[in-house]
PDB file of all heavy atoms in Angstrom:
ATOM      1  N   ALA A   1      41.653-242.790   2.470  1.00  0.00           N
ATOM      2  CA  ALA A   1      41.293-243.827   1.482  1.00  0.00           C
ATOM      3  C   ALA A   1      41.906-243.609   0.099  1.00  0.00           C
ATOM      4  O   ALA A   1      41.937-244.552  -0.680  1.00  0.00           O
ATOM      5  CB  ALA A   1      39.788-243.918   1.370  1.00  0.00           C
ATOM      6  N   LEU A   2      42.349-242.421  -0.245  1.00  0.00           N
ATOM      7  CA  LEU A   2      42.801-242.184  -1.602  1.00  0.00           C
ATOM      8  C   LEU A   2      44.305-241.960  -1.704  1.00  0.00           C
ATOM      9  O   LEU A   2      44.796-241.338  -2.636  1.00  0.00           O
ATOM     10  CB  LEU A   2      42.075-240.980  -2.213  1.00  0.00           C
ATOM     11  CG  LEU A   2      40.580-241.178  -2.324  1.00  0.00           C
ATOM     12  CD1 LEU A   2      39.931-239.897  -2.821  1.00  0.00           C
ATOM     13  CD2 LEU A   2      40.250-242.320  -3.259  1.00  0.00           C
ATOM     14  N   LEU A   3      45.044-242.527  -0.764  1.00  0.00           N
ATOM     15  CA  LEU A   3      46.473-242.313  -0.786  1.00  0.00           C
ATOM     16  C   LEU A   3      47.188-243.384  -1.600  1.00  0.00           C
ATOM     17  O   LEU A   3      46.763-244.524  -1.654  1.00  0.00           O
ATOM     18  CB  LEU A   3      47.047-242.333   0.646  1.00  0.00           C
ATOM     19  CG  LEU A   3      46.629-241.174   1.497  1.00  0.00           C
ATOM     20  CD1 LEU A   3      47.273-241.270   2.881  1.00  0.00           C
ATOM     21  CD2 LEU A   3      46.992-239.839   0.857  1.00  0.00           C
ATOM     22  N   THR A   4      48.296-243.005  -2.174  1.00  0.00           N
ATOM     23  CA  THR A   4      49.190-243.920  -2.878  1.00  0.00           C
ATOM     24  C   THR A   4      50.497-243.942  -2.117  1.00  0.00           C
ATOM     25  O   THR A   4      51.050-242.898  -1.859  1.00  0.00           O
ATOM     26  CB  THR A   4      49.448-243.424  -4.316  1.00  0.00           C
ATOM     27  OG1 THR A   4      48.199-243.413  -4.990  1.00  0.00           O
ATOM     28  CG2 THR A   4      50.385-244.366  -5.048  1.00  0.00           C
ATOM     29  N   ALA A   5      50.973-245.115  -1.754  1.00  0.00           N
ATOM     30  CA  ALA A   5      52.205-245.197  -0.988  1.00  0.00           C
ATOM     31  C   ALA A   5      53.389-245.312  -1.937  1.00  0.00           C
ATOM     32  O   ALA A   5      53.343-246.091  -2.864  1.00  0.00           O
ATOM     33  CB  ALA A   5      52.148-246.427  -0.078  1.00  0.00           C
ATOM     34  N   ILE A   6      54.408-244.510  -1.656  1.00  0.00           N
ATOM     35  CA  ILE A   6      55.645-244.592  -2.423  1.00  0.00           C
ATOM     36  C   ILE A   6      56.784-244.502  -1.435  1.00  0.00           C
ATOM     37  O   ILE A   6      56.649-243.932  -0.381  1.00  0.00           O
ATOM     38  CB  ILE A   6      55.769-243.497  -3.487  1.00  0.00           C
ATOM     39  CG1 ILE A   6      55.699-242.099  -2.857  1.00  0.00           C
ATOM     40  CG2 ILE A   6      54.724-243.647  -4.549  1.00  0.00           C
ATOM     41  CD1 ILE A   6      55.956-240.970  -3.813  1.00  0.00           C
ATOM     42  N   SER A   7      57.914-245.092  -1.793  1.00  0.00           N
ATOM     43  CA  SER A   7      59.062-245.075  -0.919  1.00  0.00           C
ATOM     44  C   SER A   7      60.227-244.451  -1.642  1.00  0.00           C
ATOM     45  O   SER A   7      60.442-244.715  -2.819  1.00  0.00           O
ATOM     46  CB  SER A   7      59.399-246.487  -0.496  1.00  0.00           C
ATOM     47  OG  SER A   7      60.569-246.506   0.297  1.00  0.00           O
ATOM     48  N   CYS A   8      61.017-243.658  -0.946  1.00  0.00           N
ATOM     49  CA  CYS A   8      62.174-243.019  -1.537  1.00  0.00           C
ATOM     50  C   CYS A   8      63.385-243.920  -1.518  1.00  0.00           C
ATOM     51  O   CYS A   8      64.338-243.689  -2.256  1.00  0.00           O
ATOM     52  CB  CYS A   8      62.513-241.726  -0.793  1.00  0.00           C
ATOM     53  SG  CYS A   8      61.285-240.462  -1.063  1.00  0.00           S
ATOM     54  N   ALA A   9      63.431-244.910  -0.666  1.00  0.00           N
ATOM     55  CA  ALA A   9      64.589-245.770  -0.599  1.00  0.00           C
ATOM     56  C   ALA A   9      64.189-247.125  -0.063  1.00  0.00           C
ATOM     57  O   ALA A   9      63.090-247.313   0.380  1.00  0.00           O
ATOM     58  CB  ALA A   9      65.651-245.144   0.303  1.00  0.00           C
ATOM     59  N   GLY A  10      65.140-248.056  -0.074  1.00  0.00           N
ATOM     60  CA  GLY A  10      64.867-249.380   0.446  1.00  0.00           C
ATOM     61  C   GLY A  10      65.007-250.416  -0.627  1.00  0.00           C
ATOM     62  O   GLY A  10      65.009-250.115  -1.801  1.00  0.00           O
ATOM     63  N   SER A  11      65.138-251.670  -0.197  1.00  0.00           N
ATOM     64  CA  SER A  11      65.333-252.737  -1.181  1.00  0.00           C
ATOM     65  C   SER A  11      63.990-253.145  -1.755  1.00  0.00           C
ATOM     66  O   SER A  11      62.950-252.914  -1.196  1.00  0.00           O
ATOM     67  CB  SER A  11      66.003-253.928  -0.514  1.00  0.00           C
ATOM     68  OG  SER A  11      65.172-254.423   0.507  1.00  0.00           O
ATOM     69  N   SER A  12      64.033-253.798  -2.902  1.00  0.00           N
ATOM     70  CA  SER A  12      62.812-254.223  -3.584  1.00  0.00           C
ATOM     71  C   SER A  12      63.065-255.561  -4.235  1.00  0.00           C
ATOM     72  O   SER A  12      64.177-255.871  -4.655  1.00  0.00           O
ATOM     73  CB  SER A  12      62.429-253.191  -4.643  1.00  0.00           C
ATOM     74  OG  SER A  12      61.320-253.665  -5.386  1.00  0.00           O
ATOM     75  N   SER A  13      62.041-256.392  -4.296  1.00  0.00           N
ATOM     76  CA  SER A  13      62.183-257.706  -4.956  1.00  0.00           C
ATOM     77  C   SER A  13      61.839-257.610  -6.439  1.00  0.00           C
ATOM     78  O   SER A  13      61.782-258.589  -7.121  1.00  0.00           O
ATOM     79  CB  SER A  13      61.260-258.706  -4.276  1.00  0.00           C
ATOM     80  OG  SER A  13      59.921-258.278  -4.390  1.00  0.00           O
ATOM     81  N   ARG A  14      61.638-256.408  -6.927  1.00  0.00           N
ATOM     82  CA  ARG A  14      61.328-256.212  -8.330  1.00  0.00           C
ATOM     83  C   ARG A  14      62.575-256.405  -9.173  1.00  0.00           C
ATOM     84  O   ARG A  14      63.689-256.409  -8.692  1.00  0.00           O
ATOM     85  CB  ARG A  14      60.759-254.809  -8.545  1.00  0.00           C
ATOM     86  CG  ARG A  14      59.507-254.568  -7.750  1.00  0.00           C
ATOM     87  CD  ARG A  14      58.910-253.234  -8.109  1.00  0.00           C
ATOM     88  NE  ARG A  14      57.843-252.869  -7.208  1.00  0.00           N
ATOM     89  CZ  ARG A  14      56.672-253.402  -7.171  1.00  0.00           C
ATOM     90  NH1 ARG A  14      56.367-254.373  -7.982  1.00  0.00           N
ATOM     91  NH2 ARG A  14      55.762-253.004  -6.315  1.00  0.00           N
ATOM     92  N   SER A  15      62.357-256.477 -10.488  1.00  0.00           N
ATOM     93  CA  SER A  15      63.476-256.603 -11.409  1.00  0.00           C
ATOM     94  C   SER A  15      64.327-255.324 -11.375  1.00  0.00           C
ATOM     95  O   SER A  15      63.969-254.349 -10.737  1.00  0.00           O
ATOM     96  CB  SER A  15      62.969-256.850 -12.832  1.00  0.00           C
ATOM     97  OG  SER A  15      62.186-255.770 -13.257  1.00  0.00           O
ATOM     98  N   ALA A  16      65.437-255.348 -12.093  1.00  0.00           N
ATOM     99  CA  ALA A  16      66.341-254.213 -12.110  1.00  0.00           C
ATOM    100  C   ALA A  16      65.616-252.945 -12.558  1.00  0.00           C
ATOM    101  O   ALA A  16      64.648-253.013 -13.288  1.00  0.00           O
ATOM    102  CB  ALA A  16      67.500-254.508 -13.058  1.00  0.00           C
ATOM    103  N   PRO A  17      66.058-251.793 -12.091  1.00  0.00           N
ATOM    104  CA  PRO A  17      65.404-250.534 -12.493  1.00  0.00           C
ATOM    105  C   PRO A  17      65.373-250.380 -14.002  1.00  0.00           C
ATOM    106  O   PRO A  17      66.266-250.856 -14.703  1.00  0.00           O
ATOM    107  CB  PRO A  17      66.297-249.455 -11.846  1.00  0.00           C
ATOM    108  CG  PRO A  17      67.013-250.151 -10.753  1.00  0.00           C
ATOM    109  CD  PRO A  17      67.176-251.572 -11.184  1.00  0.00           C
ATOM    110  N   ALA A  18      64.366-249.697 -14.461  1.00  0.00           N
ATOM    111  CA  ALA A  18      64.244-249.457 -15.891  1.00  0.00           C
ATOM    112  C   ALA A  18      65.337-248.526 -16.368  1.00  0.00           C
ATOM    113  O   ALA A  18      65.881-247.737 -15.599  1.00  0.00           O
ATOM    114  CB  ALA A  18      62.885-248.811 -16.184  1.00  0.00           C
ATOM    115  N   GLU A  19      65.692-248.658 -17.619  1.00  0.00           N
ATOM    116  CA  GLU A  19      66.655-247.726 -18.227  1.00  0.00           C
ATOM    117  C   GLU A  19      66.042-246.346 -18.192  1.00  0.00           C
ATOM    118  O   GLU A  19      64.833-246.197 -18.232  1.00  0.00           O
ATOM    119  CB  GLU A  19      66.936-248.155 -19.683  1.00  0.00           C
ATOM    120  CG  GLU A  19      67.631-249.499 -19.803  1.00  0.00           C
ATOM    121  CD  GLU A  19      69.031-249.506 -19.221  1.00  0.00           C
ATOM    122  OE1 GLU A  19      69.737-248.509 -19.399  1.00  0.00           O
ATOM    123  OE2 GLU A  19      69.384-250.508 -18.588  1.00  0.00           O
ATOM    124  N   GLU A  20      66.901-245.318 -18.179  1.00  0.00           N
ATOM    125  CA  GLU A  20      66.410-243.937 -18.220  1.00  0.00           C
ATOM    126  C   GLU A  20      65.518-243.779 -19.434  1.00  0.00           C
ATOM    127  O   GLU A  20      65.888-244.170 -20.542  1.00  0.00           O
ATOM    128  CB  GLU A  20      67.597-242.966 -18.266  1.00  0.00           C
ATOM    129  CG  GLU A  20      67.197-241.526 -18.189  1.00  0.00           C
ATOM    130  CD  GLU A  20      66.537-241.145 -16.871  1.00  0.00           C
ATOM    131  OE1 GLU A  20      66.923-241.717 -15.828  1.00  0.00           O
ATOM    132  OE2 GLU A  20      65.654-240.291 -16.880  1.00  0.00           O
ATOM    133  N   GLY A  21      64.334-243.200 -19.244  1.00  0.00           N
ATOM    134  CA  GLY A  21      63.409-242.971 -20.341  1.00  0.00           C
ATOM    135  C   GLY A  21      62.546-244.195 -20.685  1.00  0.00           C
ATOM    136  O   GLY A  21      61.821-244.175 -21.651  1.00  0.00           O
ATOM    137  N   GLU A  22      62.628-245.248 -19.881  1.00  0.00           N
ATOM    138  CA  GLU A  22      61.867-246.468 -20.130  1.00  0.00           C
ATOM    139  C   GLU A  22      60.845-246.696 -19.005  1.00  0.00           C
ATOM    140  O   GLU A  22      61.152-246.480 -17.850  1.00  0.00           O
ATOM    141  CB  GLU A  22      62.839-247.646 -20.177  1.00  0.00           C
ATOM    142  CG  GLU A  22      62.329-248.840 -20.890  1.00  0.00           C
ATOM    143  CD  GLU A  22      63.390-249.930 -21.010  1.00  0.00           C
ATOM    144  OE1 GLU A  22      63.866-250.424 -19.943  1.00  0.00           O
ATOM    145  OE2 GLU A  22      63.761-250.265 -22.125  1.00  0.00           O
ATOM    146  N   ALA A  23      59.632-247.088 -19.370  1.00  0.00           N
ATOM    147  CA  ALA A  23      58.583-247.337 -18.388  1.00  0.00           C
ATOM    148  C   ALA A  23      57.892-248.658 -18.722  1.00  0.00           C
ATOM    149  O   ALA A  23      57.920-249.132 -19.853  1.00  0.00           O
ATOM    150  CB  ALA A  23      57.563-246.217 -18.423  1.00  0.00           C
ATOM    151  N   ALA A  24      57.298-249.271 -17.695  1.00  0.00           N
ATOM    152  CA  ALA A  24      56.560-250.541 -17.876  1.00  0.00           C
ATOM    153  C   ALA A  24      55.222-250.257 -18.571  1.00  0.00           C
ATOM    154  O   ALA A  24      54.598-249.223 -18.335  1.00  0.00           O
ATOM    155  CB  ALA A  24      56.340-251.220 -16.550  1.00  0.00           C
ATOM    156  N   THR A  25      54.786-251.199 -19.399  1.00  0.00           N
ATOM    157  CA  THR A  25      53.503-251.056 -20.092  1.00  0.00           C
ATOM    158  C   THR A  25      52.852-252.400 -20.287  1.00  0.00           C
ATOM    159  O   THR A  25      53.545-253.439 -20.358  1.00  0.00           O
ATOM    160  CB  THR A  25      53.701-250.349 -21.468  1.00  0.00           C
ATOM    161  OG1 THR A  25      52.416-250.185 -22.076  1.00  0.00           O
ATOM    162  CG2 THR A  25      54.570-251.169 -22.384  1.00  0.00           C
ATOM    163  N   LEU A  26      51.534-252.390 -20.364  1.00  0.00           N
ATOM    164  CA  LEU A  26      50.768-253.571 -20.760  1.00  0.00           C
ATOM    165  C   LEU A  26      50.428-253.557 -22.246  1.00  0.00           C
ATOM    166  O   LEU A  26      49.958-254.539 -22.780  1.00  0.00           O
ATOM    167  CB  LEU A  26      49.471-253.656 -19.955  1.00  0.00           C
ATOM    168  CG  LEU A  26      49.580-254.267 -18.562  1.00  0.00           C
ATOM    169  CD1 LEU A  26      48.309-254.012 -17.775  1.00  0.00           C
ATOM    170  CD2 LEU A  26      49.875-255.748 -18.653  1.00  0.00           C
ATOM    171  N   GLY A  27      50.630-252.423 -22.916  1.00  0.00           N
ATOM    172  CA  GLY A  27      50.303-252.319 -24.333  1.00  0.00           C
ATOM    173  C   GLY A  27      48.790-252.261 -24.580  1.00  0.00           C
ATOM    174  O   GLY A  27      48.294-252.876 -25.516  1.00  0.00           O
ATOM    175  N   ILE A  28      48.098-251.515 -23.725  1.00  0.00           N
ATOM    176  CA  ILE A  28      46.634-251.366 -23.869  1.00  0.00           C
ATOM    177  C   ILE A  28      46.240-249.929 -23.602  1.00  0.00           C
ATOM    178  O   ILE A  28      46.978-249.173 -22.967  1.00  0.00           O
ATOM    179  CB  ILE A  28      45.847-252.277 -22.877  1.00  0.00           C
ATOM    180  CG1 ILE A  28      46.265-251.972 -21.418  1.00  0.00           C
ATOM    181  CG2 ILE A  28      46.008-253.746 -23.212  1.00  0.00           C
ATOM    182  CD1 ILE A  28      45.442-252.693 -20.383  1.00  0.00           C
ATOM    183  N   THR A  29      45.033-249.583 -24.042  1.00  0.00           N
ATOM    184  CA  THR A  29      44.364-248.388 -23.560  1.00  0.00           C
ATOM    185  C   THR A  29      43.083-248.874 -22.897  1.00  0.00           C
ATOM    186  O   THR A  29      42.525-249.901 -23.280  1.00  0.00           O
ATOM    187  CB  THR A  29      44.019-247.379 -24.698  1.00  0.00           C
ATOM    188  OG1 THR A  29      43.207-248.029 -25.664  1.00  0.00           O
ATOM    189  CG2 THR A  29      45.292-246.860 -25.353  1.00  0.00           C
ATOM    190  N   THR A  30      42.671-248.156 -21.864  1.00  0.00           N
ATOM    191  CA  THR A  30      41.465-248.568 -21.147  1.00  0.00           C
ATOM    192  C   THR A  30      40.529-247.404 -20.944  1.00  0.00           C
ATOM    193  O   THR A  30      40.909-246.248 -21.141  1.00  0.00           O
ATOM    194  CB  THR A  30      41.836-249.145 -19.745  1.00  0.00           C
ATOM    195  OG1 THR A  30      42.363-248.087 -18.933  1.00  0.00           O
ATOM    196  CG2 THR A  30      42.847-250.298 -19.846  1.00  0.00           C
ATOM    197  N   ARG A  31      39.327-247.732 -20.527  1.00  0.00           N
ATOM    198  CA  ARG A  31      38.329-246.709 -20.206  1.00  0.00           C
ATOM    199  C   ARG A  31      37.491-247.249 -19.045  1.00  0.00           C
ATOM    200  O   ARG A  31      37.510-248.450 -18.726  1.00  0.00           O
ATOM    201  CB  ARG A  31      37.442-246.406 -21.409  1.00  0.00           C
ATOM    202  CG  ARG A  31      36.650-247.595 -21.893  1.00  0.00           C
ATOM    203  CD  ARG A  31      35.663-247.226 -23.016  1.00  0.00           C
ATOM    204  NE  ARG A  31      34.995-248.407 -23.546  1.00  0.00           N
ATOM    205  CZ  ARG A  31      34.000-249.055 -22.945  1.00  0.00           C
ATOM    206  NH1 ARG A  31      33.579-248.665 -21.780  1.00  0.00           N
ATOM    207  NH2 ARG A  31      33.451-250.096 -23.500  1.00  0.00           N
ATOM    208  N   ALA A  32      36.733-246.355 -18.421  1.00  0.00           N
ATOM    209  CA  ALA A  32      35.874-246.734 -17.316  1.00  0.00           C
ATOM    210  C   ALA A  32      34.668-247.536 -17.846  1.00  0.00           C
ATOM    211  O   ALA A  32      34.183-247.264 -18.957  1.00  0.00           O
ATOM    212  CB  ALA A  32      35.353-245.497 -16.580  1.00  0.00           C
ATOM    213  N   PRO A  33      34.203-248.505 -17.082  1.00  0.00           N
ATOM    214  CA  PRO A  33      33.005-249.242 -17.500  1.00  0.00           C
ATOM    215  C   PRO A  33      31.757-248.331 -17.450  1.00  0.00           C
ATOM    216  O   PRO A  33      31.667-247.480 -16.574  1.00  0.00           O
ATOM    217  CB  PRO A  33      32.853-250.345 -16.458  1.00  0.00           C
ATOM    218  CG  PRO A  33      34.135-250.381 -15.687  1.00  0.00           C
ATOM    219  CD  PRO A  33      34.756-249.014 -15.844  1.00  0.00           C
ATOM    220  N   SER A  34      30.847-248.539 -18.381  1.00  0.00           N
ATOM    221  CA  SER A  34      29.568-247.831 -18.331  1.00  0.00           C
ATOM    222  C   SER A  34      28.714-248.492 -17.269  1.00  0.00           C
ATOM    223  O   SER A  34      29.030-249.580 -16.780  1.00  0.00           O
ATOM    224  CB  SER A  34      28.879-247.937 -19.700  1.00  0.00           C
ATOM    225  OG  SER A  34      28.504-249.300 -19.930  1.00  0.00           O
TER     226      SER A  34
END
């Protein structure tokens, strides 16, 4: 139940890979609900 799937190769319908040193962000910080 706690696994995360990742793939080492294969095609993707996502946009072009990020530039080196660049990551996707939502521009938020979050916390767990009380």
